[in-house]
Amino acid sequence: MAKQLATQTDTTLGYESPLFRAATVTLSDSQDFTDFPVRGFMIANDGSVSIQLVNNLGSGNETEGDIITLQNLKAGVIYPFLVKRFRSTGTTSPVVVALG
């Protein structure tokens, strides 16, 4: 049986659903991205992005996750990470777009 895709009006959207939100990120080493739950991101120029991942997702007790710097990323590629914070330290791409 084929899996039915969720629509924007479907109240059961999950992490396997198509992306339907996007916003340009303000990089910060101390402030979380809170516009919407981030399921991925892309960059406008090749470069590096430093992110803090979501930890304990869905537990009701989300905590700060690992901090990683992804290097040699390509512009226009969607990178599927559950991101809590987009960090300025270690990020070389001038434009980062959060996707949810």
C-alpha atoms as a PDB file:
ATOM      1  CA  MET A   1       0.000   0.000   0.000  1.00  0.00           C
ATOM      2  CA  ALA A   2       1.425   3.415  -0.970  1.00  0.00           C
ATOM      3  CA  LYS A   3       1.961   5.897   1.816  1.00  0.00           C
ATOM      4  CA  GLN A   4      -0.302   8.920   1.531  1.00  0.00           C
ATOM      5  CA  LEU A   5       1.428  12.301   1.577  1.00  0.00           C
ATOM      6  CA  ALA A   6       0.318  14.827   4.167  1.00  0.00           C
ATOM      7  CA  THR A   7      -1.108  18.155   3.058  1.00  0.00           C
ATOM      8  CA  GLN A   8      -0.673  21.564   4.652  1.00  0.00           C
ATOM      9  CA  THR A   9      -4.115  21.249   6.226  1.00  0.00           C
ATOM     10  CA  ASP A  10      -3.343  17.804   7.638  1.00  0.00           C
ATOM     11  CA  THR A  11      -2.896  18.014  11.416  1.00  0.00           C
ATOM     12  CA  THR A  12      -0.659  14.935  11.479  1.00  0.00           C
ATOM     13  CA  LEU A  13       2.359  16.429   9.721  1.00  0.00           C
ATOM     14  CA  GLY A  14       5.508  14.621  10.771  1.00  0.00           C
ATOM     15  CA  TYR A  15       9.207  14.566  10.052  1.00  0.00           C
ATOM     16  CA  GLU A  16       8.638  12.443   6.950  1.00  0.00           C
ATOM     17  CA  SER A  17       6.220  15.021   5.480  1.00  0.00           C
ATOM     18  CA  PRO A  18       7.255  17.440   2.726  1.00  0.00           C
ATOM     19  CA  LEU A  19       8.898  20.683   3.797  1.00  0.00           C
ATOM     20  CA  PHE A  20       6.508  23.630   3.818  1.00  0.00           C
ATOM     21  CA  ARG A  21       8.248  26.411   5.784  1.00  0.00           C
ATOM     22  CA  ALA A  22      11.411  28.392   5.126  1.00  0.00           C
ATOM     23  CA  ALA A  23      13.121  31.354   6.763  1.00  0.00           C
ATOM     24  CA  THR A  24      16.475  33.070   6.547  1.00  0.00           C
ATOM     25  CA  VAL A  25      18.430  32.445   9.741  1.00  0.00           C
ATOM     26  CA  THR A  26      20.061  34.988  12.036  1.00  0.00           C
ATOM     27  CA  LEU A  27      23.219  33.250  13.233  1.00  0.00           C
ATOM     28  CA  SER A  28      23.815  33.233  17.004  1.00  0.00           C
ATOM     29  CA  ASP A  29      26.021  31.313  19.412  1.00  0.00           C
ATOM     30  CA  SER A  30      23.524  31.830  22.240  1.00  0.00           C
ATOM     31  CA  GLN A  31      19.991  32.112  20.782  1.00  0.00           C
ATOM     32  CA  ASP A  32      17.947  29.147  19.502  1.00  0.00           C
ATOM     33  CA  PHE A  33      16.022  29.309  16.230  1.00  0.00           C
ATOM     34  CA  THR A  34      12.391  29.365  17.398  1.00  0.00           C
ATOM     35  CA  ASP A  35      10.337  30.309  14.311  1.00  0.00           C
ATOM     36  CA  PHE A  36       9.395  26.653  13.666  1.00  0.00           C
ATOM     37  CA  PRO A  37      10.886  23.159  14.183  1.00  0.00           C
ATOM     38  CA  VAL A  38      13.827  22.861  11.794  1.00  0.00           C
ATOM     39  CA  ARG A  39      14.024  19.627   9.787  1.00  0.00           C
ATOM     40  CA  GLY A  40      16.741  20.760   7.440  1.00  0.00           C
ATOM     41  CA  PHE A  41      18.586  23.719   5.999  1.00  0.00           C
ATOM     42  CA  MET A  42      20.339  24.930   2.884  1.00  0.00           C
ATOM     43  CA  ILE A  43      22.908  27.613   2.148  1.00  0.00           C
ATOM     44  CA  ALA A  44      23.160  30.218  -0.607  1.00  0.00           C
ATOM     45  CA  ASN A  45      26.947  29.984  -1.012  1.00  0.00           C
ATOM     46  CA  ASP A  46      29.342  27.061  -0.644  1.00  0.00           C
ATOM     47  CA  GLY A  47      30.896  27.004   2.822  1.00  0.00           C
ATOM     48  CA  SER A  48      30.663  25.742   6.388  1.00  0.00           C
ATOM     49  CA  VAL A  49      27.764  25.828   8.860  1.00  0.00           C
ATOM     50  CA  SER A  50      28.013  25.288  12.598  1.00  0.00           C
ATOM     51  CA  ILE A  51      24.837  23.933  14.202  1.00  0.00           C
ATOM     52  CA  GLN A  52      23.583  22.674  17.535  1.00  0.00           C
ATOM     53  CA  LEU A  53      21.360  19.638  17.151  1.00  0.00           C
ATOM     54  CA  VAL A  54      18.094  18.880  18.949  1.00  0.00           C
ATOM     55  CA  ASN A  55      18.487  16.210  21.649  1.00  0.00           C
ATOM     56  CA  ASN A  56      15.729  14.011  23.146  1.00  0.00           C
ATOM     57  CA  LEU A  57      13.214  15.085  20.505  1.00  0.00           C
ATOM     58  CA  GLY A  58       9.615  14.455  21.506  1.00  0.00           C
ATOM     59  CA  SER A  59      10.445  13.500  25.069  1.00  0.00           C
ATOM     60  CA  GLY A  60       9.034  16.712  26.504  1.00  0.00           C
ATOM     61  CA  ASN A  61      12.506  17.241  27.938  1.00  0.00           C
ATOM     62  CA  GLU A  62      14.456  18.503  24.927  1.00  0.00           C
ATOM     63  CA  THR A  63      18.008  19.409  25.871  1.00  0.00           C
ATOM     64  CA  GLU A  64      20.948  20.923  24.091  1.00  0.00           C
ATOM     65  CA  GLY A  65      22.435  18.486  21.635  1.00  0.00           C
ATOM     66  CA  ASP A  66      25.812  18.128  20.007  1.00  0.00           C
ATOM     67  CA  ILE A  67      27.498  21.064  18.299  1.00  0.00           C
ATOM     68  CA  ILE A  68      28.977  20.215  14.927  1.00  0.00           C
ATOM     69  CA  THR A  69      30.544  22.187  12.101  1.00  0.00           C
ATOM     70  CA  LEU A  70      29.723  20.833   8.661  1.00  0.00           C
ATOM     71  CA  GLN A  71      32.422  21.824   6.196  1.00  0.00           C
ATOM     72  CA  ASN A  72      32.536  22.035   2.393  1.00  0.00           C
ATOM     73  CA  LEU A  73      28.742  22.224   2.047  1.00  0.00           C
ATOM     74  CA  LYS A  74      27.319  23.023  -1.393  1.00  0.00           C
ATOM     75  CA  ALA A  75      24.836  25.787  -2.116  1.00  0.00           C
ATOM     76  CA  GLY A  76      21.261  24.718  -2.893  1.00  0.00           C
ATOM     77  CA  VAL A  77      21.525  21.261  -1.300  1.00  0.00           C
ATOM     78  CA  ILE A  78      19.030  20.415   1.474  1.00  0.00           C
ATOM     79  CA  TYR A  79      20.844  19.068   4.529  1.00  0.00           C
ATOM     80  CA  PRO A  80      18.439  17.026   6.738  1.00  0.00           C
ATOM     81  CA  PHE A  81      19.282  17.844  10.354  1.00  0.00           C
ATOM     82  CA  LEU A  82      17.038  18.594  13.337  1.00  0.00           C
ATOM     83  CA  VAL A  83      18.585  21.909  14.349  1.00  0.00           C
ATOM     84  CA  LYS A  84      18.132  23.832  17.587  1.00  0.00           C
ATOM     85  CA  ARG A  85      20.641  26.643  16.908  1.00  0.00           C
ATOM     86  CA  PHE A  86      22.566  27.990  13.931  1.00  0.00           C
ATOM     87  CA  ARG A  87      25.886  29.206  15.309  1.00  0.00           C
ATOM     88  CA  SER A  88      27.866  32.187  14.026  1.00  0.00           C
ATOM     89  CA  THR A  89      31.200  30.758  15.194  1.00  0.00           C
ATOM     90  CA  GLY A  90      32.367  28.362  12.505  1.00  0.00           C
ATOM     91  CA  THR A  91      29.785  29.368   9.880  1.00  0.00           C
ATOM     92  CA  THR A  92      31.275  30.834   6.684  1.00  0.00           C
ATOM     93  CA  SER A  93      28.191  30.875   4.455  1.00  0.00           C
ATOM     94  CA  PRO A  94      26.614  34.345   4.622  1.00  0.00           C
ATOM     95  CA  VAL A  95      23.048  33.076   4.036  1.00  0.00           C
ATOM     96  CA  VAL A  96      21.504  30.057   5.766  1.00  0.00           C
ATOM     97  CA  VAL A  97      17.855  29.099   5.166  1.00  0.00           C
ATOM     98  CA  ALA A  98      16.041  26.968   7.773  1.00  0.00           C
ATOM     99  CA  LEU A  99      13.464  24.513   6.424  1.00  0.00           C
ATOM    100  CA  GLY A 100      10.575  22.961   8.311  1.00  0.00           C
END
